[in-house]
N, C-alpha and C. Protein backbone atom coordinates (compact mmCIF):
# COMPACT_ATOMS: atom_id res chain seq x y z
N UNK A 1 -102.83 -117.70 -6.59
CA UNK A 1 -102.72 -118.49 -7.80
C UNK A 1 -101.52 -118.01 -8.59
N UNK A 2 -100.73 -118.95 -9.10
CA UNK A 2 -99.51 -118.61 -9.82
C UNK A 2 -99.76 -118.21 -11.27
N UNK A 3 -100.54 -118.99 -11.99
CA UNK A 3 -100.80 -118.73 -13.41
C UNK A 3 -102.10 -119.41 -13.80
N UNK A 4 -102.78 -118.84 -14.78
CA UNK A 4 -103.99 -119.48 -15.28
C UNK A 4 -103.66 -120.90 -15.72
N UNK A 5 -104.62 -121.81 -15.50
CA UNK A 5 -104.35 -123.23 -15.72
C UNK A 5 -105.54 -123.91 -16.38
N UNK A 6 -105.25 -124.74 -17.36
CA UNK A 6 -106.24 -125.65 -17.93
C UNK A 6 -105.91 -127.05 -17.43
N UNK A 7 -106.91 -127.70 -16.86
CA UNK A 7 -106.78 -129.11 -16.47
C UNK A 7 -107.56 -129.91 -17.50
N UNK A 8 -106.84 -130.69 -18.27
CA UNK A 8 -107.43 -131.47 -19.35
C UNK A 8 -107.57 -132.92 -18.87
N UNK A 9 -108.81 -133.34 -18.66
CA UNK A 9 -109.09 -134.73 -18.30
C UNK A 9 -109.22 -135.50 -19.60
N UNK A 10 -108.26 -136.35 -19.87
CA UNK A 10 -108.28 -137.03 -21.16
C UNK A 10 -108.36 -138.53 -21.00
N UNK A 11 -108.98 -139.15 -21.98
CA UNK A 11 -109.14 -140.60 -21.97
C UNK A 11 -109.92 -141.05 -23.18
N UNK A 12 -110.08 -142.33 -23.30
CA UNK A 12 -110.79 -142.91 -24.43
C UNK A 12 -112.30 -142.69 -24.28
N UNK A 13 -113.02 -142.94 -25.35
CA UNK A 13 -114.48 -142.81 -25.32
C UNK A 13 -115.05 -143.77 -24.27
N UNK A 14 -116.03 -143.29 -23.53
CA UNK A 14 -116.71 -144.15 -22.56
C UNK A 14 -115.90 -144.47 -21.32
N UNK A 15 -114.87 -143.67 -21.02
CA UNK A 15 -114.02 -143.98 -19.87
C UNK A 15 -114.43 -143.23 -18.59
N UNK A 16 -115.51 -142.47 -18.64
CA UNK A 16 -116.01 -141.81 -17.44
C UNK A 16 -115.56 -140.37 -17.26
N UNK A 17 -115.05 -139.75 -18.31
CA UNK A 17 -114.58 -138.37 -18.20
C UNK A 17 -115.71 -137.42 -17.83
N UNK A 18 -116.84 -137.53 -18.50
CA UNK A 18 -117.96 -136.62 -18.24
C UNK A 18 -118.46 -136.78 -16.81
N UNK A 19 -118.66 -138.00 -16.37
CA UNK A 19 -119.15 -138.21 -15.00
C UNK A 19 -118.15 -137.65 -13.98
N UNK A 20 -116.87 -137.88 -14.21
CA UNK A 20 -115.85 -137.37 -13.30
C UNK A 20 -115.90 -135.85 -13.22
N UNK A 21 -116.01 -135.19 -14.35
CA UNK A 21 -116.06 -133.72 -14.37
C UNK A 21 -117.33 -133.22 -13.69
N UNK A 22 -118.44 -133.88 -13.92
CA UNK A 22 -119.69 -133.45 -13.30
C UNK A 22 -119.65 -133.62 -11.78
N UNK A 23 -119.03 -134.69 -11.31
CA UNK A 23 -118.87 -134.87 -9.86
C UNK A 23 -117.93 -133.80 -9.31
N UNK A 24 -116.85 -133.50 -10.03
CA UNK A 24 -115.93 -132.45 -9.58
C UNK A 24 -116.66 -131.12 -9.43
N UNK A 25 -117.56 -130.82 -10.35
CA UNK A 25 -118.35 -129.58 -10.24
C UNK A 25 -119.16 -129.57 -8.95
N UNK A 26 -119.80 -130.68 -8.65
CA UNK A 26 -120.61 -130.77 -7.42
C UNK A 26 -119.73 -130.59 -6.18
N UNK A 27 -118.54 -131.19 -6.20
CA UNK A 27 -117.63 -131.07 -5.07
C UNK A 27 -117.10 -129.64 -4.92
N UNK A 28 -116.86 -128.96 -6.03
CA UNK A 28 -116.44 -127.55 -5.96
C UNK A 28 -117.54 -126.69 -5.35
N UNK A 29 -118.78 -126.97 -5.70
CA UNK A 29 -119.90 -126.23 -5.11
C UNK A 29 -119.90 -126.42 -3.59
N UNK A 30 -119.70 -127.65 -3.14
CA UNK A 30 -119.67 -127.93 -1.70
C UNK A 30 -118.49 -127.21 -1.04
N UNK A 31 -117.32 -127.26 -1.67
CA UNK A 31 -116.11 -126.68 -1.07
C UNK A 31 -116.11 -125.16 -1.06
N UNK A 32 -116.69 -124.52 -2.08
CA UNK A 32 -116.51 -123.07 -2.23
C UNK A 32 -117.79 -122.24 -2.22
N UNK A 33 -118.92 -122.85 -2.48
CA UNK A 33 -120.13 -122.04 -2.67
C UNK A 33 -121.19 -122.34 -1.61
N UNK A 34 -121.48 -123.60 -1.39
CA UNK A 34 -122.56 -123.97 -0.48
C UNK A 34 -122.21 -125.28 0.22
N UNK A 35 -121.64 -125.21 1.43
CA UNK A 35 -121.23 -126.42 2.14
C UNK A 35 -122.36 -127.41 2.41
N UNK A 36 -123.60 -126.95 2.40
CA UNK A 36 -124.72 -127.86 2.65
C UNK A 36 -125.29 -128.45 1.36
N UNK A 37 -124.69 -128.10 0.23
CA UNK A 37 -125.12 -128.67 -1.06
C UNK A 37 -124.91 -130.18 -1.04
N UNK A 38 -125.83 -130.90 -1.62
CA UNK A 38 -125.67 -132.35 -1.74
C UNK A 38 -126.09 -132.77 -3.14
N UNK A 39 -125.66 -133.94 -3.52
CA UNK A 39 -126.03 -134.47 -4.82
C UNK A 39 -126.13 -135.98 -4.71
N UNK A 40 -126.87 -136.56 -5.63
CA UNK A 40 -127.04 -138.01 -5.64
C UNK A 40 -126.52 -138.56 -6.96
N UNK A 41 -125.91 -139.71 -6.87
CA UNK A 41 -125.45 -140.40 -8.08
C UNK A 41 -126.46 -141.46 -8.47
N UNK A 42 -126.66 -141.70 -9.72
CA UNK A 42 -125.97 -141.05 -10.83
C UNK A 42 -126.51 -139.64 -11.06
N UNK A 43 -125.62 -138.77 -11.54
CA UNK A 43 -126.01 -137.41 -11.89
C UNK A 43 -126.81 -137.44 -13.19
N UNK A 44 -127.59 -136.41 -13.46
CA UNK A 44 -128.35 -136.38 -14.72
C UNK A 44 -127.43 -136.50 -15.93
N UNK A 45 -127.94 -137.14 -16.96
CA UNK A 45 -127.16 -137.31 -18.19
C UNK A 45 -126.99 -135.97 -18.89
N UNK A 46 -126.04 -135.92 -19.80
CA UNK A 46 -125.81 -134.71 -20.59
C UNK A 46 -124.52 -134.03 -20.21
N UNK A 47 -124.10 -133.14 -21.08
CA UNK A 47 -122.86 -132.41 -20.90
C UNK A 47 -123.12 -131.11 -20.14
N UNK A 48 -122.07 -130.56 -19.53
CA UNK A 48 -122.20 -129.30 -18.80
C UNK A 48 -121.15 -128.31 -19.28
N UNK A 49 -121.50 -127.04 -19.20
CA UNK A 49 -120.60 -125.93 -19.46
C UNK A 49 -121.00 -124.85 -18.46
N UNK A 50 -120.23 -124.73 -17.39
CA UNK A 50 -120.56 -123.78 -16.32
C UNK A 50 -119.31 -123.07 -15.85
N UNK A 51 -119.52 -121.94 -15.20
CA UNK A 51 -118.44 -121.22 -14.55
C UNK A 51 -118.82 -121.01 -13.09
N UNK A 52 -117.92 -121.36 -12.20
CA UNK A 52 -118.12 -121.18 -10.76
C UNK A 52 -117.10 -120.17 -10.25
N UNK A 53 -117.46 -119.45 -9.20
CA UNK A 53 -116.51 -118.57 -8.53
C UNK A 53 -116.05 -119.26 -7.25
N UNK A 54 -114.76 -119.53 -7.18
CA UNK A 54 -114.17 -120.25 -6.05
C UNK A 54 -113.06 -119.37 -5.46
N UNK A 55 -113.26 -118.88 -4.25
CA UNK A 55 -112.30 -117.97 -3.61
C UNK A 55 -111.96 -116.78 -4.51
N UNK A 56 -112.94 -116.26 -5.19
CA UNK A 56 -112.74 -115.10 -6.05
C UNK A 56 -112.19 -115.40 -7.42
N UNK A 57 -111.87 -116.66 -7.69
CA UNK A 57 -111.35 -117.05 -9.01
C UNK A 57 -112.44 -117.74 -9.81
N UNK A 58 -112.42 -117.53 -11.11
CA UNK A 58 -113.39 -118.16 -12.00
C UNK A 58 -112.87 -119.52 -12.44
N UNK A 59 -113.68 -120.54 -12.21
CA UNK A 59 -113.36 -121.90 -12.62
C UNK A 59 -114.38 -122.32 -13.67
N UNK A 60 -113.91 -122.48 -14.91
CA UNK A 60 -114.78 -122.91 -16.00
C UNK A 60 -114.74 -124.42 -16.11
N UNK A 61 -115.90 -125.00 -16.39
CA UNK A 61 -116.01 -126.46 -16.46
C UNK A 61 -116.74 -126.83 -17.74
N UNK A 62 -116.09 -127.63 -18.56
CA UNK A 62 -116.67 -128.12 -19.82
C UNK A 62 -116.48 -129.62 -19.88
N UNK A 63 -117.59 -130.37 -19.93
CA UNK A 63 -117.48 -131.83 -19.91
C UNK A 63 -117.44 -132.46 -21.30
N UNK A 64 -117.88 -131.72 -22.32
CA UNK A 64 -117.88 -132.29 -23.67
C UNK A 64 -116.46 -132.33 -24.20
N UNK A 65 -116.05 -133.45 -24.76
CA UNK A 65 -114.68 -133.53 -25.25
C UNK A 65 -114.47 -134.48 -26.40
N UNK A 66 -115.57 -134.92 -27.03
CA UNK A 66 -115.42 -135.93 -28.07
C UNK A 66 -114.85 -135.35 -29.36
N UNK A 67 -115.52 -134.37 -29.94
CA UNK A 67 -115.05 -133.75 -31.18
C UNK A 67 -115.49 -132.31 -31.21
N UNK A 68 -114.69 -131.44 -31.81
CA UNK A 68 -115.03 -130.02 -31.87
C UNK A 68 -116.35 -129.76 -32.58
N UNK A 69 -116.68 -130.58 -33.56
CA UNK A 69 -117.88 -130.32 -34.36
C UNK A 69 -119.17 -130.63 -33.60
N UNK A 70 -119.10 -131.37 -32.50
CA UNK A 70 -120.31 -131.72 -31.75
C UNK A 70 -120.68 -130.60 -30.79
N UNK A 71 -121.93 -130.20 -30.80
CA UNK A 71 -122.45 -129.27 -29.81
C UNK A 71 -121.74 -127.94 -29.75
N UNK A 72 -121.14 -127.52 -30.86
CA UNK A 72 -120.45 -126.23 -30.91
C UNK A 72 -119.37 -126.13 -29.84
N UNK A 73 -118.62 -127.21 -29.65
CA UNK A 73 -117.62 -127.29 -28.59
C UNK A 73 -116.55 -126.21 -28.71
N UNK A 74 -116.12 -125.91 -29.92
CA UNK A 74 -115.08 -124.89 -30.08
C UNK A 74 -115.54 -123.56 -29.45
N UNK A 75 -116.77 -123.15 -29.73
CA UNK A 75 -117.29 -121.91 -29.14
C UNK A 75 -117.47 -122.05 -27.64
N UNK A 76 -117.87 -123.22 -27.18
CA UNK A 76 -118.04 -123.44 -25.74
C UNK A 76 -116.71 -123.26 -25.01
N UNK A 77 -115.63 -123.78 -25.59
CA UNK A 77 -114.31 -123.60 -24.99
C UNK A 77 -113.87 -122.14 -25.08
N UNK A 78 -114.11 -121.52 -26.23
CA UNK A 78 -113.70 -120.12 -26.42
C UNK A 78 -114.40 -119.18 -25.44
N UNK A 79 -115.61 -119.50 -25.02
CA UNK A 79 -116.31 -118.61 -24.08
C UNK A 79 -115.69 -118.66 -22.69
N UNK A 80 -114.98 -119.73 -22.36
CA UNK A 80 -114.36 -119.84 -21.03
C UNK A 80 -113.04 -119.08 -20.95
N UNK A 81 -112.31 -119.04 -22.04
CA UNK A 81 -110.94 -118.51 -22.05
C UNK A 81 -110.84 -117.07 -21.51
N UNK A 82 -111.64 -116.12 -21.96
CA UNK A 82 -111.41 -114.74 -21.50
C UNK A 82 -111.75 -114.50 -20.03
N UNK A 83 -112.54 -115.37 -19.43
CA UNK A 83 -113.07 -115.09 -18.10
C UNK A 83 -112.54 -115.99 -17.00
N UNK A 84 -111.95 -117.13 -17.35
CA UNK A 84 -111.64 -118.14 -16.34
C UNK A 84 -110.16 -118.18 -15.98
N UNK A 85 -109.93 -118.34 -14.69
CA UNK A 85 -108.57 -118.51 -14.18
C UNK A 85 -108.14 -119.97 -14.27
N UNK A 86 -109.11 -120.85 -14.08
CA UNK A 86 -108.87 -122.30 -14.15
C UNK A 86 -109.97 -122.88 -15.02
N UNK A 87 -109.59 -123.78 -15.91
CA UNK A 87 -110.57 -124.47 -16.75
C UNK A 87 -110.37 -125.96 -16.59
N UNK A 88 -111.45 -126.67 -16.30
CA UNK A 88 -111.46 -128.13 -16.26
C UNK A 88 -112.25 -128.59 -17.46
N UNK A 89 -111.61 -129.36 -18.34
CA UNK A 89 -112.29 -129.80 -19.55
C UNK A 89 -111.87 -131.22 -19.91
N UNK A 90 -112.63 -131.80 -20.82
CA UNK A 90 -112.39 -133.19 -21.24
C UNK A 90 -111.91 -133.24 -22.67
N UNK A 91 -111.20 -134.32 -22.98
CA UNK A 91 -110.87 -134.62 -24.37
C UNK A 91 -110.56 -136.09 -24.49
N UNK A 92 -110.65 -136.57 -25.69
CA UNK A 92 -110.14 -137.90 -25.97
C UNK A 92 -108.62 -137.81 -25.97
N UNK A 93 -107.97 -138.96 -26.05
CA UNK A 93 -106.51 -138.98 -25.94
C UNK A 93 -105.86 -138.20 -27.07
N UNK A 94 -106.22 -138.48 -28.29
CA UNK A 94 -105.64 -137.77 -29.44
C UNK A 94 -106.76 -137.46 -30.42
N UNK A 95 -107.28 -136.26 -30.32
CA UNK A 95 -108.30 -135.85 -31.28
C UNK A 95 -108.22 -134.34 -31.46
N UNK A 96 -109.15 -133.80 -32.24
CA UNK A 96 -109.11 -132.36 -32.51
C UNK A 96 -109.34 -131.53 -31.25
N UNK A 97 -110.06 -132.06 -30.27
CA UNK A 97 -110.28 -131.33 -29.03
C UNK A 97 -108.97 -131.22 -28.25
N UNK A 98 -108.23 -132.31 -28.15
CA UNK A 98 -106.94 -132.28 -27.45
C UNK A 98 -106.01 -131.25 -28.09
N UNK A 99 -105.98 -131.23 -29.41
CA UNK A 99 -105.13 -130.25 -30.11
C UNK A 99 -105.61 -128.83 -29.86
N UNK A 100 -106.93 -128.62 -29.87
CA UNK A 100 -107.48 -127.28 -29.65
C UNK A 100 -107.19 -126.79 -28.22
N UNK A 101 -107.29 -127.67 -27.25
CA UNK A 101 -107.00 -127.29 -25.87
C UNK A 101 -105.54 -126.84 -25.75
N UNK A 102 -104.65 -127.57 -26.38
CA UNK A 102 -103.23 -127.19 -26.35
C UNK A 102 -103.01 -125.84 -27.03
N UNK A 103 -103.68 -125.61 -28.16
CA UNK A 103 -103.58 -124.31 -28.84
C UNK A 103 -104.08 -123.18 -27.95
N UNK A 104 -105.22 -123.40 -27.30
CA UNK A 104 -105.78 -122.37 -26.43
C UNK A 104 -104.83 -122.06 -25.26
N UNK A 105 -104.27 -123.11 -24.69
CA UNK A 105 -103.32 -122.91 -23.58
C UNK A 105 -102.12 -122.09 -24.03
N UNK A 106 -101.56 -122.44 -25.16
CA UNK A 106 -100.37 -121.74 -25.66
C UNK A 106 -100.70 -120.30 -26.07
N UNK A 107 -101.82 -120.10 -26.73
CA UNK A 107 -102.19 -118.78 -27.23
C UNK A 107 -102.55 -117.81 -26.10
N UNK A 108 -103.16 -118.33 -25.04
CA UNK A 108 -103.69 -117.46 -23.98
C UNK A 108 -102.90 -117.56 -22.68
N UNK A 109 -101.70 -118.13 -22.75
CA UNK A 109 -100.78 -118.18 -21.61
C UNK A 109 -101.36 -118.93 -20.40
N UNK A 110 -101.96 -120.08 -20.67
CA UNK A 110 -102.41 -120.98 -19.61
C UNK A 110 -101.40 -122.10 -19.45
N UNK A 111 -101.19 -122.54 -18.22
CA UNK A 111 -100.47 -123.80 -18.02
C UNK A 111 -101.43 -124.92 -18.40
N UNK A 112 -100.90 -126.03 -18.86
CA UNK A 112 -101.75 -127.16 -19.24
C UNK A 112 -101.34 -128.38 -18.43
N UNK A 113 -102.29 -128.89 -17.65
CA UNK A 113 -102.09 -130.13 -16.90
C UNK A 113 -102.99 -131.19 -17.50
N UNK A 114 -102.40 -132.31 -17.89
CA UNK A 114 -103.19 -133.42 -18.42
C UNK A 114 -103.33 -134.46 -17.33
N UNK A 115 -104.57 -134.80 -17.03
CA UNK A 115 -104.85 -135.80 -16.01
C UNK A 115 -105.81 -136.83 -16.60
N UNK A 116 -105.93 -137.94 -15.92
CA UNK A 116 -106.90 -138.95 -16.34
C UNK A 116 -107.62 -139.45 -15.10
N UNK A 117 -108.80 -139.98 -15.32
CA UNK A 117 -109.53 -140.55 -14.20
C UNK A 117 -109.11 -142.01 -14.00
N UNK A 118 -109.36 -142.49 -12.80
CA UNK A 118 -108.98 -143.87 -12.48
C UNK A 118 -109.88 -144.84 -13.22
N UNK A 119 -109.29 -145.95 -13.64
CA UNK A 119 -110.04 -146.98 -14.35
C UNK A 119 -109.61 -148.35 -13.85
N UNK A 120 -110.54 -149.26 -13.81
CA UNK A 120 -110.23 -150.62 -13.41
C UNK A 120 -111.31 -151.56 -13.89
N UNK A 121 -111.00 -152.83 -13.90
CA UNK A 121 -111.97 -153.83 -14.33
C UNK A 121 -113.15 -153.86 -13.37
N UNK A 122 -114.32 -154.00 -13.97
CA UNK A 122 -115.55 -154.03 -13.17
C UNK A 122 -116.15 -155.42 -13.27
N UNK A 123 -116.30 -156.21 -12.23
CA UNK A 123 -115.72 -156.05 -10.91
C UNK A 123 -114.22 -156.35 -10.94
N UNK A 124 -113.49 -156.10 -9.94
CA UNK A 124 -113.89 -155.77 -8.57
C UNK A 124 -114.12 -154.28 -8.35
N UNK A 125 -113.73 -153.43 -9.32
CA UNK A 125 -113.86 -151.99 -9.12
C UNK A 125 -115.18 -151.49 -9.67
N UNK A 126 -115.75 -150.51 -9.00
CA UNK A 126 -116.95 -149.84 -9.48
C UNK A 126 -116.51 -148.58 -10.22
N UNK A 127 -116.95 -148.44 -11.47
CA UNK A 127 -116.59 -147.25 -12.25
C UNK A 127 -117.05 -145.98 -11.53
N UNK A 128 -118.24 -146.01 -10.98
CA UNK A 128 -118.76 -144.84 -10.29
C UNK A 128 -117.89 -144.47 -9.08
N UNK A 129 -117.48 -145.48 -8.31
CA UNK A 129 -116.60 -145.22 -7.16
C UNK A 129 -115.27 -144.63 -7.61
N UNK A 130 -114.71 -145.17 -8.69
CA UNK A 130 -113.44 -144.66 -9.19
C UNK A 130 -113.59 -143.24 -9.72
N UNK A 131 -114.72 -142.95 -10.39
CA UNK A 131 -114.94 -141.58 -10.88
C UNK A 131 -115.10 -140.60 -9.73
N UNK A 132 -115.76 -141.02 -8.65
CA UNK A 132 -115.89 -140.15 -7.48
C UNK A 132 -114.52 -139.84 -6.89
N UNK A 133 -113.70 -140.85 -6.75
CA UNK A 133 -112.36 -140.66 -6.20
C UNK A 133 -111.53 -139.76 -7.13
N UNK A 134 -111.62 -140.00 -8.42
CA UNK A 134 -110.91 -139.16 -9.39
C UNK A 134 -111.35 -137.70 -9.27
N UNK A 135 -112.65 -137.48 -9.17
CA UNK A 135 -113.18 -136.12 -9.07
C UNK A 135 -112.66 -135.43 -7.82
N UNK A 136 -112.65 -136.14 -6.71
CA UNK A 136 -112.16 -135.54 -5.47
C UNK A 136 -110.68 -135.19 -5.58
N UNK A 137 -109.91 -136.01 -6.27
CA UNK A 137 -108.49 -135.70 -6.45
C UNK A 137 -108.29 -134.53 -7.40
N UNK A 138 -109.15 -134.40 -8.40
CA UNK A 138 -109.09 -133.23 -9.29
C UNK A 138 -109.44 -131.97 -8.51
N UNK A 139 -110.43 -132.05 -7.64
CA UNK A 139 -110.78 -130.90 -6.80
C UNK A 139 -109.62 -130.56 -5.87
N UNK A 140 -108.93 -131.56 -5.33
CA UNK A 140 -107.74 -131.29 -4.52
C UNK A 140 -106.69 -130.54 -5.34
N UNK A 141 -106.52 -130.94 -6.59
CA UNK A 141 -105.59 -130.26 -7.48
C UNK A 141 -106.02 -128.81 -7.70
N UNK A 142 -107.30 -128.59 -7.94
CA UNK A 142 -107.82 -127.23 -8.11
C UNK A 142 -107.59 -126.42 -6.84
N UNK A 143 -107.81 -127.02 -5.68
CA UNK A 143 -107.56 -126.33 -4.41
C UNK A 143 -106.10 -125.88 -4.31
N UNK A 144 -105.18 -126.74 -4.73
CA UNK A 144 -103.76 -126.41 -4.69
C UNK A 144 -103.43 -125.26 -5.65
N UNK A 145 -104.08 -125.25 -6.80
CA UNK A 145 -103.87 -124.16 -7.77
C UNK A 145 -104.42 -122.86 -7.20
N UNK A 146 -105.62 -122.91 -6.64
CA UNK A 146 -106.23 -121.70 -6.07
C UNK A 146 -105.37 -121.14 -4.95
N UNK A 147 -104.83 -122.01 -4.12
CA UNK A 147 -104.02 -121.55 -2.98
C UNK A 147 -102.63 -121.05 -3.40
N UNK A 148 -102.25 -121.33 -4.65
CA UNK A 148 -100.93 -120.92 -5.12
C UNK A 148 -99.83 -121.91 -4.82
N UNK A 149 -100.20 -123.07 -4.27
CA UNK A 149 -99.18 -124.08 -3.94
C UNK A 149 -98.55 -124.68 -5.19
N UNK A 150 -99.33 -124.77 -6.25
CA UNK A 150 -98.77 -125.26 -7.52
C UNK A 150 -99.21 -124.36 -8.66
């Protein structure tokens, strides 16, 4: 790994950020922790804040990203910073969470990658299918970071 990295999944309210992050967590478990792990969609409702060990690196995952004042999000983000090599988190496009993530990256010497999940009109696109594809591509990005390729 080249440098600690925050991957900020950003988008508007209701755009599937939480589902995408939760699917990415499940895929990381399959890739790095338990290859026989399986999951069914839809995943349970609610936000997640977890840390996984992937190839010896700590990957922190925070799905809440609406506003810092909700669910003690500022503290939830702060708990990941000292321990995690990679953090995957959500934010709206321009809100206090997006600003806080940038501050944390700058203060703690993390690279910041801003990504978004795929979106399309339903039909012909299925939001769940697009979120699954987005999650797999985010996991591919995490794999590249872990391997030191990027």
